Amino acid sequence: MKRKPDVLVILVAAFGLGVLVTLLLPLAANDTVAAPASALQAGIIIRD
């Protein structure tokens, strides 16, 4: 007979995984995600 894991252990593991993902997410993102790729996307209109 297998013993069922405790609910508290599952909650702590889920919390730890969430913290780990939250800490690693900014490291995985590069600069082009938030920065506009062109002046048109940034809303900058340059008139000659």
PDB file of N, CA and C in Angstrom:
ATOM      1  N   MET A   1       0.835  -1.187   0.000  1.00  0.00           N
ATOM      2  CA  MET A   1       0.000   0.000   0.000  1.00  0.00           C
ATOM      3  C   MET A   1       0.878   1.248   0.000  1.00  0.00           C
ATOM      4  N   LYS A   2       0.635   2.120  -0.943  1.00  0.00           N
ATOM      5  CA  LYS A   2       1.426   3.347  -1.014  1.00  0.00           C
ATOM      6  C   LYS A   2       0.819   4.419  -0.126  1.00  0.00           C
ATOM      7  N   ARG A   3       1.691   5.197   0.509  1.00  0.00           N
ATOM      8  CA  ARG A   3       1.225   6.276   1.374  1.00  0.00           C
ATOM      9  C   ARG A   3       0.988   7.523   0.542  1.00  0.00           C
ATOM     10  N   LYS A   4      -0.160   8.170   0.698  1.00  0.00           N
ATOM     11  CA  LYS A   4      -0.471   9.381  -0.059  1.00  0.00           C
ATOM     12  C   LYS A   4       0.371  10.542   0.447  1.00  0.00           C
ATOM     13  N   PRO A   5       0.886  11.376  -0.463  1.00  0.00           N
ATOM     14  CA  PRO A   5       1.660  12.542  -0.003  1.00  0.00           C
ATOM     15  C   PRO A   5       0.788  13.532   0.751  1.00  0.00           C
ATOM     16  N   ASP A   6       1.392  14.169   1.706  1.00  0.00           N
ATOM     17  CA  ASP A   6       0.662  15.131   2.526  1.00  0.00           C
ATOM     18  C   ASP A   6       0.302  16.361   1.708  1.00  0.00           C
ATOM     19  N   VAL A   7      -0.825  16.959   1.987  1.00  0.00           N
ATOM     20  CA  VAL A   7      -1.272  18.141   1.252  1.00  0.00           C
ATOM     21  C   VAL A   7      -0.316  19.311   1.493  1.00  0.00           C
ATOM     22  N   LEU A   8       0.207  19.409   2.694  1.00  0.00           N
ATOM     23  CA  LEU A   8       1.139  20.485   3.015  1.00  0.00           C
ATOM     24  C   LEU A   8       2.426  20.368   2.196  1.00  0.00           C
ATOM     25  N   VAL A   9       2.895  19.159   1.989  1.00  0.00           N
ATOM     26  CA  VAL A   9       4.106  18.952   1.184  1.00  0.00           C
ATOM     27  C   VAL A   9       3.855  19.374  -0.255  1.00  0.00           C
ATOM     28  N   ILE A  10       2.686  19.061  -0.782  1.00  0.00           N
ATOM     29  CA  ILE A  10       2.338  19.446  -2.149  1.00  0.00           C
ATOM     30  C   ILE A  10       2.250  20.968  -2.272  1.00  0.00           C
ATOM     31  N   LEU A  11       1.654  21.620  -1.282  1.00  0.00           N
ATOM     32  CA  LEU A  11       1.540  23.079  -1.315  1.00  0.00           C
ATOM     33  C   LEU A  11       2.903  23.748  -1.229  1.00  0.00           C
ATOM     34  N   VAL A  12       3.785  23.240  -0.378  1.00  0.00           N
ATOM     35  CA  VAL A  12       5.128  23.804  -0.249  1.00  0.00           C
ATOM     36  C   VAL A  12       5.918  23.605  -1.548  1.00  0.00           C
ATOM     37  N   ALA A  13       5.767  22.445  -2.167  1.00  0.00           N
ATOM     38  CA  ALA A  13       6.459  22.180  -3.432  1.00  0.00           C
ATOM     39  C   ALA A  13       5.944  23.098  -4.538  1.00  0.00           C
ATOM     40  N   ALA A  14       4.639  23.317  -4.593  1.00  0.00           N
ATOM     41  CA  ALA A  14       4.062  24.204  -5.607  1.00  0.00           C
ATOM     42  C   ALA A  14       4.509  25.649  -5.374  1.00  0.00           C
ATOM     43  N   PHE A  15       4.573  26.060  -4.117  1.00  0.00           N
ATOM     44  CA  PHE A  15       5.026  27.410  -3.795  1.00  0.00           C
ATOM     45  C   PHE A  15       6.489  27.598  -4.180  1.00  0.00           C
ATOM     46  N   GLY A  16       7.315  26.614  -3.862  1.00  0.00           N
ATOM     47  CA  GLY A  16       8.732  26.681  -4.210  1.00  0.00           C
ATOM     48  C   GLY A  16       8.948  26.717  -5.708  1.00  0.00           C
ATOM     49  N   LEU A  17       8.167  25.941  -6.446  1.00  0.00           N
ATOM     50  CA  LEU A  17       8.273  25.944  -7.904  1.00  0.00           C
ATOM     51  C   LEU A  17       7.845  27.291  -8.473  1.00  0.00           C
ATOM     52  N   GLY A  18       6.798  27.879  -7.901  1.00  0.00           N
ATOM     53  CA  GLY A  18       6.358  29.201  -8.345  1.00  0.00           C
ATOM     54  C   GLY A  18       7.401  30.273  -8.086  1.00  0.00           C
ATOM     55  N   VAL A  19       8.048  30.220  -6.940  1.00  0.00           N
ATOM     56  CA  VAL A  19       9.107  31.183  -6.626  1.00  0.00           C
ATOM     57  C   VAL A  19      10.283  31.006  -7.582  1.00  0.00           C
ATOM     58  N   LEU A  20      10.639  29.769  -7.860  1.00  0.00           N
ATOM     59  CA  LEU A  20      11.751  29.488  -8.772  1.00  0.00           C
ATOM     60  C   LEU A  20      11.462  30.004 -10.182  1.00  0.00           C
ATOM     61  N   VAL A  21      10.253  29.762 -10.658  1.00  0.00           N
ATOM     62  CA  VAL A  21       9.870  30.248 -11.989  1.00  0.00           C
ATOM     63  C   VAL A  21       9.857  31.769 -12.019  1.00  0.00           C
ATOM     64  N   THR A  22       9.374  32.395 -10.937  1.00  0.00           N
ATOM     65  CA  THR A  22       9.334  33.856 -10.881  1.00  0.00           C
ATOM     66  C   THR A  22      10.737  34.454 -10.900  1.00  0.00           C
ATOM     67  N   LEU A  23      11.682  33.797 -10.241  1.00  0.00           N
ATOM     68  CA  LEU A  23      13.053  34.297 -10.228  1.00  0.00           C
ATOM     69  C   LEU A  23      13.758  34.066 -11.561  1.00  0.00           C
ATOM     70  N   LEU A  24      13.448  32.978 -12.246  1.00  0.00           N
ATOM     71  CA  LEU A  24      14.139  32.652 -13.490  1.00  0.00           C
ATOM     72  C   LEU A  24      13.510  33.322 -14.714  1.00  0.00           C
ATOM     73  N   LEU A  25      12.276  33.779 -14.598  1.00  0.00           N
ATOM     74  CA  LEU A  25      11.590  34.371 -15.751  1.00  0.00           C
ATOM     75  C   LEU A  25      12.272  35.638 -16.264  1.00  0.00           C
ATOM     76  N   PRO A  26      12.672  36.588 -15.417  1.00  0.00           N
ATOM     77  CA  PRO A  26      13.360  37.771 -15.956  1.00  0.00           C
ATOM     78  C   PRO A  26      14.704  37.433 -16.590  1.00  0.00           C
ATOM     79  N   LEU A  27      15.345  36.379 -16.163  1.00  0.00           N
ATOM     80  CA  LEU A  27      16.628  35.995 -16.749  1.00  0.00           C
ATOM     81  C   LEU A  27      16.440  35.429 -18.157  1.00  0.00           C
ATOM     82  N   ALA A  28      15.306  34.792 -18.392  1.00  0.00           N
ATOM     83  CA  ALA A  28      15.056  34.182 -19.696  1.00  0.00           C
ATOM     84  C   ALA A  28      14.580  35.208 -20.719  1.00  0.00           C
ATOM     85  N   ALA A  29      14.013  36.321 -20.260  1.00  0.00           N
ATOM     86  CA  ALA A  29      13.491  37.329 -21.185  1.00  0.00           C
ATOM     87  C   ALA A  29      14.638  38.183 -21.717  1.00  0.00           C
ATOM     88  N   ASN A  30      14.573  38.490 -22.993  1.00  0.00           N
ATOM     89  CA  ASN A  30      15.597  39.350 -23.579  1.00  0.00           C
ATOM     90  C   ASN A  30      15.045  40.769 -23.753  1.00  0.00           C
ATOM     91  N   ASP A  31      15.871  41.685 -24.200  1.00  0.00           N
ATOM     92  CA  ASP A  31      15.486  43.091 -24.270  1.00  0.00           C
ATOM     93  C   ASP A  31      14.425  43.375 -25.329  1.00  0.00           C
ATOM     94  N   THR A  32      14.327  42.542 -26.338  1.00  0.00           N
ATOM     95  CA  THR A  32      13.407  42.825 -27.434  1.00  0.00           C
ATOM     96  C   THR A  32      11.955  42.536 -27.075  1.00  0.00           C
ATOM     97  N   VAL A  33      11.718  41.899 -25.931  1.00  0.00           N
ATOM     98  CA  VAL A  33      10.340  41.576 -25.558  1.00  0.00           C
ATOM     99  C   VAL A  33       9.587  42.845 -25.175  1.00  0.00           C
ATOM    100  N   ALA A  34      10.176  43.695 -24.356  1.00  0.00           N
ATOM    101  CA  ALA A  34       9.481  44.891 -23.893  1.00  0.00           C
ATOM    102  C   ALA A  34       9.774  46.103 -24.774  1.00  0.00           C
ATOM    103  N   ALA A  35      10.912  46.105 -25.422  1.00  0.00           N
ATOM    104  CA  ALA A  35      11.302  47.269 -26.218  1.00  0.00           C
ATOM    105  C   ALA A  35      10.656  47.199 -27.602  1.00  0.00           C
ATOM    106  N   PRO A  36      10.157  48.324 -28.089  1.00  0.00           N
ATOM    107  CA  PRO A  36       9.595  48.332 -29.445  1.00  0.00           C
ATOM    108  C   PRO A  36      10.706  48.118 -30.484  1.00  0.00           C
ATOM    109  N   ALA A  37      10.344  47.421 -31.554  1.00  0.00           N
ATOM    110  CA  ALA A  37      11.341  47.068 -32.557  1.00  0.00           C
ATOM    111  C   ALA A  37      11.650  48.234 -33.487  1.00  0.00           C
ATOM    112  N   SER A  38      10.715  49.152 -33.618  1.00  0.00           N
ATOM    113  CA  SER A  38      10.943  50.266 -34.533  1.00  0.00           C
ATOM    114  C   SER A  38      10.355  51.546 -33.941  1.00  0.00           C
ATOM    115  N   ALA A  39      10.676  52.659 -34.582  1.00  0.00           N
ATOM    116  CA  ALA A  39      10.134  53.945 -34.132  1.00  0.00           C
ATOM    117  C   ALA A  39       8.624  54.003 -34.348  1.00  0.00           C
ATOM    118  N   LEU A  40       8.146  53.307 -35.363  1.00  0.00           N
ATOM    119  CA  LEU A  40       6.704  53.290 -35.629  1.00  0.00           C
ATOM    120  C   LEU A  40       5.952  52.586 -34.506  1.00  0.00           C
ATOM    121  N   GLN A  41       6.498  51.494 -34.000  1.00  0.00           N
ATOM    122  CA  GLN A  41       5.867  50.785 -32.892  1.00  0.00           C
ATOM    123  C   GLN A  41       5.929  51.607 -31.609  1.00  0.00           C
ATOM    124  N   ALA A  42       6.964  52.411 -31.454  1.00  0.00           N
ATOM    125  CA  ALA A  42       7.102  53.233 -30.266  1.00  0.00           C
ATOM    126  C   ALA A  42       6.184  54.457 -30.316  1.00  0.00           C
ATOM    127  N   GLY A  43       5.615  54.735 -31.481  1.00  0.00           N
ATOM    128  CA  GLY A  43       4.728  55.881 -31.615  1.00  0.00           C
ATOM    129  C   GLY A  43       5.482  57.171 -31.901  1.00  0.00           C
ATOM    130  N   ILE A  44       6.716  57.037 -32.352  1.00  0.00           N
ATOM    131  CA  ILE A  44       7.524  58.208 -32.649  1.00  0.00           C
ATOM    132  C   ILE A  44       7.407  58.502 -34.137  1.00  0.00           C
ATOM    133  N   ILE A  45       6.950  59.688 -34.445  1.00  0.00           N
ATOM    134  CA  ILE A  45       6.818  60.076 -35.840  1.00  0.00           C
ATOM    135  C   ILE A  45       7.864  61.163 -36.108  1.00  0.00           C
ATOM    136  N   ILE A  46       8.753  60.858 -37.017  1.00  0.00           N
ATOM    137  CA  ILE A  46       9.822  61.811 -37.369  1.00  0.00           C
ATOM    138  C   ILE A  46       9.485  62.405 -38.730  1.00  0.00           C
ATOM    139  N   ARG A  47       9.294  63.721 -38.740  1.00  0.00           N
ATOM    140  CA  ARG A  47       8.987  64.392 -40.020  1.00  0.00           C
ATOM    141  C   ARG A  47      10.185  65.198 -40.462  1.00  0.00           C
ATOM    142  N   ASP A  48      10.498  65.089 -41.722  1.00  0.00           N
ATOM    143  CA  ASP A  48      11.628  65.835 -42.257  1.00  0.00           C
ATOM    144  C   ASP A  48      11.224  67.250 -42.638  1.00  0.00           C
TER     145      ASP A  48
END
